[in-house]
Protein backbone atom coordinates (compact mmCIF):
# COMPACT_ATOMS: atom_id res chain seq x y z
CA MET A 1 5.85 19.63 40.28
CA LYS A 2 4.29 17.50 43.00
CA ARG A 3 0.83 15.96 43.41
CA TYR A 4 -0.69 14.44 46.51
CA CYS A 5 -3.29 11.71 47.01
CA ASP A 6 -4.36 9.00 49.41
CA SER A 7 -4.02 6.21 46.85
CA LEU A 8 -2.15 6.01 43.58
CA VAL A 9 -3.32 3.30 41.18
CA ILE A 10 -0.75 2.34 38.55
CA GLY A 11 -2.63 0.93 35.58
CA GLY A 12 -5.63 2.47 33.82
CA GLY A 13 -7.26 -0.63 32.34
CA ILE A 14 -10.58 -2.00 33.52
CA ILE A 15 -9.15 -3.43 36.77
CA GLY A 16 -7.21 -0.30 37.72
CA LEU A 17 -10.21 1.91 36.95
CA SER A 18 -12.49 -0.32 39.00
CA CYS A 19 -10.07 -0.12 41.93
CA GLY A 20 -9.87 3.65 41.56
CA TYR A 21 -13.65 4.04 41.42
CA TYR A 22 -14.44 1.86 44.44
CA LEU A 23 -11.71 3.52 46.51
CA SER A 24 -13.07 6.94 45.51
CA ARG A 25 -16.54 5.80 46.52
CA GLU A 26 -15.16 5.19 50.02
CA GLY A 27 -13.87 8.74 50.24
CA PHE A 28 -10.22 8.17 49.32
CA LYS A 29 -8.50 10.77 47.16
CA VAL A 30 -7.37 8.67 44.19
CA GLN A 31 -5.14 9.21 41.18
CA VAL A 32 -4.85 6.66 38.35
CA ILE A 33 -1.92 6.76 35.92
CA ASP A 34 -1.15 4.63 32.87
CA SER A 35 1.82 4.68 30.53
CA MET A 36 -0.36 4.10 27.46
CA GLU A 37 -3.51 5.51 25.87
CA PHE A 38 -7.03 4.71 27.04
CA GLY A 39 -8.02 1.18 26.00
CA SER A 40 -4.69 0.37 24.35
CA GLY A 41 -3.73 -2.45 26.75
CA SER A 42 -5.30 -5.82 27.49
CA SER A 43 -8.75 -4.36 28.24
CA GLY A 44 -9.03 -3.13 24.67
CA ALA A 45 -7.84 -6.34 22.99
CA CYS A 46 -10.06 -9.00 24.49
CA ASP A 47 -13.53 -10.47 24.24
CA ASP A 48 -16.48 -9.10 26.17
CA MET A 49 -17.52 -12.09 28.26
CA ILE A 50 -18.63 -12.61 31.82
CA LEU A 51 -18.22 -16.36 31.45
CA LEU A 52 -19.09 -18.45 34.49
CA GLN A 53 -19.06 -21.94 32.99
CA SER A 54 -15.29 -22.08 32.58
CA LYS A 55 -14.62 -21.61 36.31
CA LYS A 56 -13.74 -24.48 38.63
CA PRO A 57 -15.70 -24.60 41.89
CA GLY A 58 -13.98 -22.49 44.51
CA VAL A 59 -13.11 -18.87 45.13
CA VAL A 60 -12.82 -17.88 41.44
CA LEU A 61 -16.28 -19.19 40.56
CA GLU A 62 -17.77 -17.62 43.71
CA LEU A 63 -16.27 -14.24 42.85
CA ALA A 64 -17.34 -14.48 39.19
CA MET A 65 -20.93 -15.12 40.28
CA GLU A 66 -20.80 -12.19 42.70
CA SER A 67 -19.28 -9.96 40.02
CA LEU A 68 -22.09 -10.87 37.63
CA GLU A 69 -24.64 -9.80 40.24
CA MET A 70 -22.83 -6.47 40.56
CA TYR A 71 -22.88 -6.02 36.77
CA ARG A 72 -26.67 -6.40 36.68
CA PHE A 73 -27.07 -3.08 38.50
CA LEU A 74 -23.76 -1.35 37.76
CA HIS A 75 -25.22 0.73 34.93
CA MET A 76 -27.54 2.40 37.43
CA GLU A 77 -24.71 3.11 39.85
CA LEU A 78 -22.38 4.51 37.18
CA GLY A 79 -25.19 6.29 35.38
CA CYS A 80 -24.52 5.00 31.87
CA ASP A 81 -25.12 2.11 29.50
CA LEU A 82 -22.47 -0.63 29.81
CA GLY A 83 -23.67 -2.85 26.99
CA PHE A 84 -24.68 -5.54 29.49
CA LYS A 85 -26.70 -8.38 28.04
CA GLN A 86 -27.35 -12.05 28.76
CA MET A 87 -27.35 -14.29 25.69
CA GLY A 88 -26.43 -17.35 27.69
CA GLY A 89 -23.66 -19.75 26.75
CA MET A 90 -23.16 -23.29 25.49
CA ILE A 91 -20.01 -25.42 25.65
CA LEU A 92 -20.03 -27.90 22.76
CA ILE A 93 -19.35 -31.57 23.56
CA GLU A 94 -18.05 -33.80 20.79
CA ASN A 95 -17.85 -37.35 22.19
CA GLN A 96 -18.70 -39.59 25.14
CA GLU A 97 -15.35 -39.04 26.86
CA GLU A 98 -15.87 -35.27 26.85
CA LEU A 99 -19.46 -35.76 27.98
CA ALA A 100 -18.40 -37.81 31.03
CA VAL A 101 -15.88 -35.17 32.10
CA MET A 102 -18.29 -32.28 31.56
CA GLU A 103 -21.11 -34.04 33.41
CA GLU A 104 -18.90 -34.34 36.48
CA PHE A 105 -17.67 -30.75 36.09
CA VAL A 106 -21.19 -29.34 35.69
CA SER A 107 -22.40 -31.31 38.71
CA SER A 108 -19.67 -29.73 40.85
CA GLN A 109 -20.56 -26.26 39.54
CA ARG A 110 -24.26 -26.80 40.26
CA SER A 111 -23.38 -27.72 43.83
CA CYS A 112 -21.87 -24.21 44.13
CA GLY A 113 -25.08 -22.58 42.93
CA LEU A 114 -24.26 -22.05 39.25
CA ASN A 115 -27.26 -22.25 36.94
CA VAL A 116 -25.95 -24.70 34.34
CA ASP A 117 -27.11 -27.98 32.76
CA ILE A 118 -26.14 -30.56 30.18
CA VAL A 119 -28.55 -30.54 27.22
CA ASP A 120 -29.03 -33.20 24.56
CA ARG A 121 -28.38 -33.00 20.82
CA GLU A 122 -31.97 -31.98 20.08
CA GLU A 123 -31.82 -29.01 22.46
CA LEU A 124 -28.38 -28.07 21.12
CA ARG A 125 -29.71 -28.05 17.56
CA ARG A 126 -32.74 -26.00 18.58
CA ARG A 127 -30.57 -23.26 20.07
CA GLN A 128 -27.68 -23.60 17.61
CA PRO A 129 -28.98 -24.96 14.26
CA HIS A 130 -25.78 -24.13 12.35
CA VAL A 131 -23.37 -26.08 14.56
CA SER A 132 -21.74 -29.16 13.01
CA ASP A 133 -23.67 -32.44 13.40
CA ARG A 134 -20.69 -34.13 15.04
CA PHE A 135 -21.45 -32.52 18.43
CA ILE A 136 -23.52 -34.86 20.59
CA SER A 137 -24.56 -32.44 23.34
CA SER A 138 -23.53 -29.29 25.16
CA THR A 139 -23.75 -27.45 28.42
CA TYR A 140 -26.13 -24.53 28.73
CA SER A 141 -26.22 -21.64 31.19
CA PRO A 142 -28.59 -18.71 30.75
CA ASP A 143 -26.41 -16.62 33.08
CA ASP A 144 -23.33 -16.23 30.86
CA SER A 145 -23.29 -12.54 29.99
CA GLN A 146 -21.26 -9.83 28.33
CA VAL A 147 -20.49 -6.12 28.51
CA ASP A 148 -18.67 -3.60 26.37
CA PRO A 149 -15.24 -3.16 28.03
CA PHE A 150 -14.83 0.36 26.65
CA LEU A 151 -18.20 1.47 28.02
CA VAL A 152 -17.38 -0.04 31.41
CA MET A 153 -14.01 1.74 31.54
CA LYS A 154 -15.58 5.05 30.54
CA GLY A 155 -18.28 4.48 33.15
CA PHE A 156 -15.70 3.97 35.91
CA ILE A 157 -13.78 7.06 34.77
CA ASN A 158 -16.80 9.37 34.63
CA ALA A 159 -18.32 8.14 37.90
CA GLY A 160 -14.91 8.26 39.59
CA GLN A 161 -14.23 11.78 38.39
CA ARG A 162 -17.54 12.92 39.87
CA LEU A 163 -16.13 11.64 43.18
CA GLY A 164 -12.81 13.42 42.68
CA MET A 165 -10.78 10.64 41.05
CA GLU A 166 -8.07 11.86 38.67
CA VAL A 167 -7.06 9.76 35.64
CA ARG A 168 -3.97 10.45 33.54
CA TYR A 169 -2.92 8.44 30.50
CA ARG A 170 0.52 8.65 28.84
CA GLU A 171 2.07 9.02 32.30
CA ALA A 172 4.28 6.13 33.40
CA ALA A 173 5.75 5.40 36.81
CA VAL A 174 9.56 5.70 36.57
CA THR A 175 10.91 5.36 40.13
CA ALA A 176 9.41 4.75 43.57
CA GLU A 177 10.67 5.24 47.09
CA LYS A 178 9.45 6.00 50.60
CA ASN A 179 10.03 9.50 51.99
CA GLY A 180 10.86 10.38 55.58
CA ALA A 181 7.17 10.48 56.50
CA GLY A 182 6.69 6.91 55.30
CA ARG A 183 4.67 7.90 52.22
CA TRP A 184 5.37 6.63 48.72
CA GLN A 185 6.92 9.05 46.25
CA VAL A 186 6.50 7.96 42.63
CA LEU A 187 8.34 9.88 39.92
CA THR A 188 6.45 9.77 36.64
CA SER A 189 7.49 10.20 33.01
CA THR A 190 6.08 13.75 33.03
CA GLY A 191 8.62 14.76 35.67
CA CYS A 192 5.95 14.97 38.37
CA ILE A 193 6.32 13.33 41.79
CA VAL A 194 3.12 11.77 43.11
CA GLU A 195 3.11 11.38 46.89
CA ALA A 196 0.65 8.80 48.21
CA GLU A 197 -0.08 6.89 51.39
CA ASN A 198 -0.87 3.77 49.35
CA VAL A 199 0.02 2.48 45.89
CA VAL A 200 -1.97 -0.14 44.00
CA ILE A 201 -0.19 -2.01 41.19
CA SER A 202 -2.85 -2.92 38.67
CA ALA A 203 -0.88 -2.91 35.46
CA GLY A 204 -2.08 -6.21 34.00
CA ALA A 205 0.60 -8.15 32.14
CA TRP A 206 3.08 -5.36 32.94
CA SER A 207 2.57 -5.63 36.71
CA ASN A 208 5.87 -7.42 37.35
CA ILE A 209 7.73 -4.67 35.47
CA VAL A 210 6.05 -2.05 37.65
CA GLY A 211 6.77 -4.19 40.70
CA GLY A 212 10.47 -3.88 39.94
CA LEU A 213 10.25 -0.17 40.75
CA PHE A 214 9.27 -1.21 44.28
CA ASP A 215 11.91 -3.97 44.49
CA ILE A 216 9.38 -6.79 44.39
CA SER A 217 8.84 -9.67 41.98
CA ILE A 218 5.18 -10.27 41.14
CA PRO A 219 4.48 -13.73 39.65
CA ILE A 220 2.59 -12.41 36.63
CA PHE A 221 3.63 -12.99 33.02
CA PRO A 222 2.11 -12.12 29.61
CA ARG A 223 0.14 -14.78 27.77
CA ARG A 224 -0.70 -13.52 24.30
CA GLY A 225 -4.24 -13.99 23.06
CA GLN A 226 -5.35 -13.50 19.45
CA LEU A 227 -8.92 -12.95 18.25
CA LEU A 228 -10.63 -12.60 14.89
CA ILE A 229 -13.48 -10.13 14.29
CA THR A 230 -16.07 -10.76 11.58
CA GLU A 231 -18.13 -8.42 9.47
CA LYS A 232 -21.60 -7.60 10.82
CA ILE A 233 -23.93 -10.53 10.18
CA PRO A 234 -27.36 -11.69 11.39
CA PRO A 235 -27.37 -13.76 14.60
CA ILE A 236 -26.08 -17.31 14.33
CA GLY A 237 -27.95 -19.22 16.99
CA GLU A 238 -29.31 -18.00 20.31
CA THR A 239 -26.22 -18.16 22.52
CA ASN A 240 -22.50 -17.62 22.61
CA LEU A 241 -20.36 -20.73 22.13
CA TRP A 242 -17.27 -22.46 23.43
CA SER A 243 -15.81 -25.91 22.94
CA ALA A 244 -15.35 -28.51 25.69
CA SER A 245 -12.17 -29.77 24.04
CA TYR A 246 -9.85 -27.19 25.61
CA MET A 247 -11.52 -27.42 29.01
CA VAL A 248 -11.35 -31.22 29.05
CA THR A 249 -7.64 -31.02 28.21
CA LYS A 250 -7.11 -28.89 31.32
CA LEU A 251 -9.36 -31.01 33.55
CA ARG A 252 -8.16 -34.39 32.23
CA PRO A 253 -4.82 -34.08 30.37
CA ASP A 254 -4.87 -37.84 29.71
CA LEU A 255 -7.85 -37.31 27.37
CA ALA A 256 -6.13 -34.68 25.22
CA LYS A 257 -6.63 -35.25 21.51
CA VAL A 258 -3.78 -35.89 19.12
CA ARG A 259 -4.29 -33.44 16.25
CA GLU A 260 -2.77 -33.11 12.81
CA ASN A 261 -0.90 -29.91 13.66
CA GLN A 262 -0.24 -30.82 17.29
CA SER A 263 2.95 -28.78 17.71
CA GLU A 264 1.27 -25.67 16.31
CA TYR A 265 -1.82 -26.31 18.45
CA ASN A 266 0.32 -26.57 21.59
CA GLU A 267 2.37 -23.49 20.75
CA LEU A 268 -0.72 -21.38 20.07
CA GLY A 269 -2.69 -22.83 23.00
CA LEU A 270 -5.71 -22.96 20.74
CA GLY A 271 -9.19 -22.83 22.27
CA PHE A 272 -12.58 -21.96 20.80
CA SER A 273 -14.89 -19.07 21.66
CA PHE A 274 -17.62 -17.51 19.54
CA THR A 275 -19.38 -14.43 20.88
CA ARG A 276 -21.68 -11.87 19.29
CA THR A 277 -21.16 -8.16 19.97
CA ALA A 278 -23.94 -5.60 20.30
CA HIS A 279 -23.06 -4.27 16.82
CA GLY A 280 -23.51 -7.63 15.08
CA ASN A 281 -19.86 -8.62 14.69
CA TYR A 282 -18.62 -11.92 16.08
CA LEU A 283 -15.43 -12.34 18.10
CA ILE A 284 -13.70 -15.63 17.31
CA GLY A 285 -11.01 -16.91 19.59
CA SER A 286 -8.64 -17.65 20.82
CA THR A 287 -4.99 -18.40 21.48
CA ARG A 288 -3.11 -18.64 24.78
CA GLU A 289 0.57 -18.23 23.89
CA GLU A 290 3.16 -18.40 26.64
CA GLN A 291 6.30 -17.88 24.54
CA ALA A 292 5.33 -14.65 22.76
CA GLY A 293 6.50 -12.28 25.50
CA PHE A 294 5.32 -8.75 24.77
CA LYS A 295 5.25 -9.17 20.98
CA LYS A 296 1.86 -7.77 20.03
CA LEU A 297 2.10 -8.48 16.31
CA VAL A 298 -0.63 -10.79 15.07
CA ASP A 299 0.47 -14.19 13.78
CA TYR A 300 -0.73 -15.45 10.40
CA ARG A 301 -0.62 -19.01 11.74
CA ALA A 302 -3.19 -18.01 14.35
CA LEU A 303 -5.40 -16.42 11.67
CA GLU A 304 -5.37 -19.67 9.70
CA ALA A 305 -5.83 -21.91 12.75
CA LEU A 306 -8.73 -19.88 14.18
CA SER A 307 -10.39 -19.65 10.75
CA ARG A 308 -10.10 -23.41 10.18
CA GLN A 309 -11.45 -24.14 13.62
CA VAL A 310 -14.57 -21.96 13.39
CA ALA A 311 -15.38 -23.29 9.91
CA HIS A 312 -15.04 -26.82 11.25
CA ILE A 313 -17.42 -26.14 14.15
CA ILE A 314 -19.86 -23.83 12.30
CA PRO A 315 -19.58 -24.63 8.54
CA LEU A 316 -21.68 -21.58 7.64
CA MET A 317 -18.76 -19.38 8.75
CA ARG A 318 -16.83 -20.32 5.61
CA HIS A 319 -18.91 -17.66 3.84
CA VAL A 320 -18.28 -14.87 6.38
CA HIS A 321 -15.53 -12.24 6.02
CA ILE A 322 -12.95 -11.57 8.72
CA ILE A 323 -12.34 -7.82 8.96
CA ARG A 324 -9.88 -7.58 11.88
CA HIS A 325 -7.31 -9.71 13.68
CA ILE A 326 -6.13 -8.44 17.09
CA ALA A 327 -3.71 -9.52 19.80
CA GLY A 328 -3.45 -8.65 23.48
CA PHE A 329 -1.73 -9.87 26.63
CA ARG A 330 -3.46 -11.79 29.38
CA PRO A 331 -1.84 -11.20 32.79
CA ALA A 332 -1.31 -14.83 33.80
CA THR A 333 -0.20 -16.33 37.11
CA PRO A 334 1.37 -19.77 37.69
CA ASP A 335 -1.70 -21.04 39.62
CA GLY A 336 -4.32 -19.34 37.45
CA LYS A 337 -5.68 -17.15 40.26
CA MET A 338 -5.57 -13.38 40.45
CA ILE A 339 -3.43 -11.63 43.07
CA LEU A 340 -5.26 -9.23 45.35
CA GLY A 341 -4.04 -7.72 48.60
CA PRO A 342 -1.19 -5.98 50.44
CA TRP A 343 2.37 -6.94 49.58
CA PRO A 344 4.34 -8.40 52.53
CA GLY A 345 7.10 -6.19 53.92
CA LYS A 346 6.01 -3.20 51.82
CA GLU A 347 3.63 -1.13 53.88
CA GLY A 348 1.15 0.78 51.76
CA LEU A 349 1.81 -1.32 48.62
CA TYR A 350 -1.01 -3.43 47.12
CA VAL A 351 -1.43 -5.62 44.05
CA ALA A 352 -4.66 -6.14 42.11
CA SER A 353 -3.74 -8.02 38.96
CA GLY A 354 -3.24 -11.42 37.35
CA HIS A 355 -6.81 -12.04 36.15
CA GLU A 356 -5.64 -13.57 32.84
CA GLY A 357 -8.80 -13.88 30.67
CA ASP A 358 -11.19 -12.86 33.46
CA GLY A 359 -10.40 -9.16 33.82
CA ILE A 360 -13.70 -8.04 32.28
CA ALA A 361 -15.73 -10.52 34.32
CA MET A 362 -13.95 -9.80 37.60
CA ALA A 363 -13.58 -6.02 37.38
CA PRO A 364 -16.39 -4.91 39.73
CA ILE A 365 -15.72 -7.49 42.44
CA THR A 366 -11.97 -6.78 42.35
CA GLY A 367 -12.45 -3.08 43.02
CA LYS A 368 -15.05 -3.81 45.70
CA LEU A 369 -12.80 -6.32 47.51
CA LEU A 370 -9.86 -3.92 47.41
CA SER A 371 -11.99 -1.18 48.95
CA ASP A 372 -13.05 -3.68 51.64
CA ILE A 373 -9.37 -4.30 52.43
CA PHE A 374 -8.67 -0.57 52.64
CA THR A 375 -11.63 0.12 54.92
CA GLY A 376 -11.16 -2.97 57.06
CA ARG A 377 -14.53 -4.47 56.17
CA LYS A 378 -14.67 -8.21 56.56
CA SER A 379 -15.33 -10.02 53.28
CA ILE A 380 -17.45 -13.14 53.10
CA THR A 381 -14.95 -14.48 50.55
CA ASN A 382 -11.93 -16.50 51.67
CA MET A 383 -9.21 -14.16 50.45
CA LYS A 384 -6.32 -16.42 51.42
CA GLU A 385 -6.17 -17.90 47.93
CA LEU A 386 -5.86 -14.44 46.34
CA ILE A 387 -3.41 -12.56 48.53
CA PRO A 388 0.22 -12.39 47.31
CA ARG A 389 1.34 -16.01 47.37
CA CYS A 390 4.42 -15.43 49.53
CA MET A 391 2.08 -14.32 52.33
CA VAL A 392 0.49 -17.76 52.64
CA VAL A 393 2.17 -19.64 55.51
């Protein structure tokens, strides 16, 4: 059996579906395949945030801000509810050293147009009365938002299908080669050959494995992230929360704390996030583990560490039940930036992957930029930082 299309997207998570939808919107005949079930990869094992405050000034922050603007109206374009809401976000600051770093960081973000401020302890307590007294201030941005990843993926599928996009789960790419006409022929696990002018690799943490079928090495590796999910409870404070501690460690490694369980902290890559879902559950995160490979089993050490941390920051949480503990794989790159663009020396082969923890936030803008590349439209964004790194001279 043989199928034909203009563009084959390998990977049916939120990024692959966004790419498929925006290419379909431009009139391309698109097929999307994925080796797993709907929502069983990284897009179904993550938080729901469109977080702007964590981004350094530059192309990633610019794209995150543009993606947020797209999300504001995406429900109208796709014709369905996406669970979009803006609760705003606060990054908790514990001491004067953290405050100095975050003041400089926030100033640089404001210069890029981000709506963010440093607020004092009184304002922090007004918005978050249950946070521990040891925090002296926080950042605040009303623009930090969230969506339901499953609703967004379903929205892309349904809107794409109305435009002729085909989506097939439980169908993996097995081999790939060019035929005599210069078109890609991809043999799938169903025994079908898909012939396409272009192929987009958008397989998240598995992108390098898929790249091997095309004899390329994509610098993307899995970074396991673990989250806790609480029972449904009334709102705790007005906003979602993060801690400045992890961010300061990345911005100023010389200020990194020495903790009691330092080796465990380093191995788990422990950070703090606290976000409320539309159903009333809270997502508590998270870990960033580089040595876990593709082991998706949850780790009891992470359960204990995340539970201790949230109880330390929000003492009230000691009385709340944890009902689920999940793990997923962030598609990480060595420089922390996604890869988007044509692969050098492989005509008709593109990569759209490597978003790490920003796949939900960056989904609309990624698909839109890819469609701009396909149609030859000039983007206002400097894409040089995102194209496959070996292309940068």
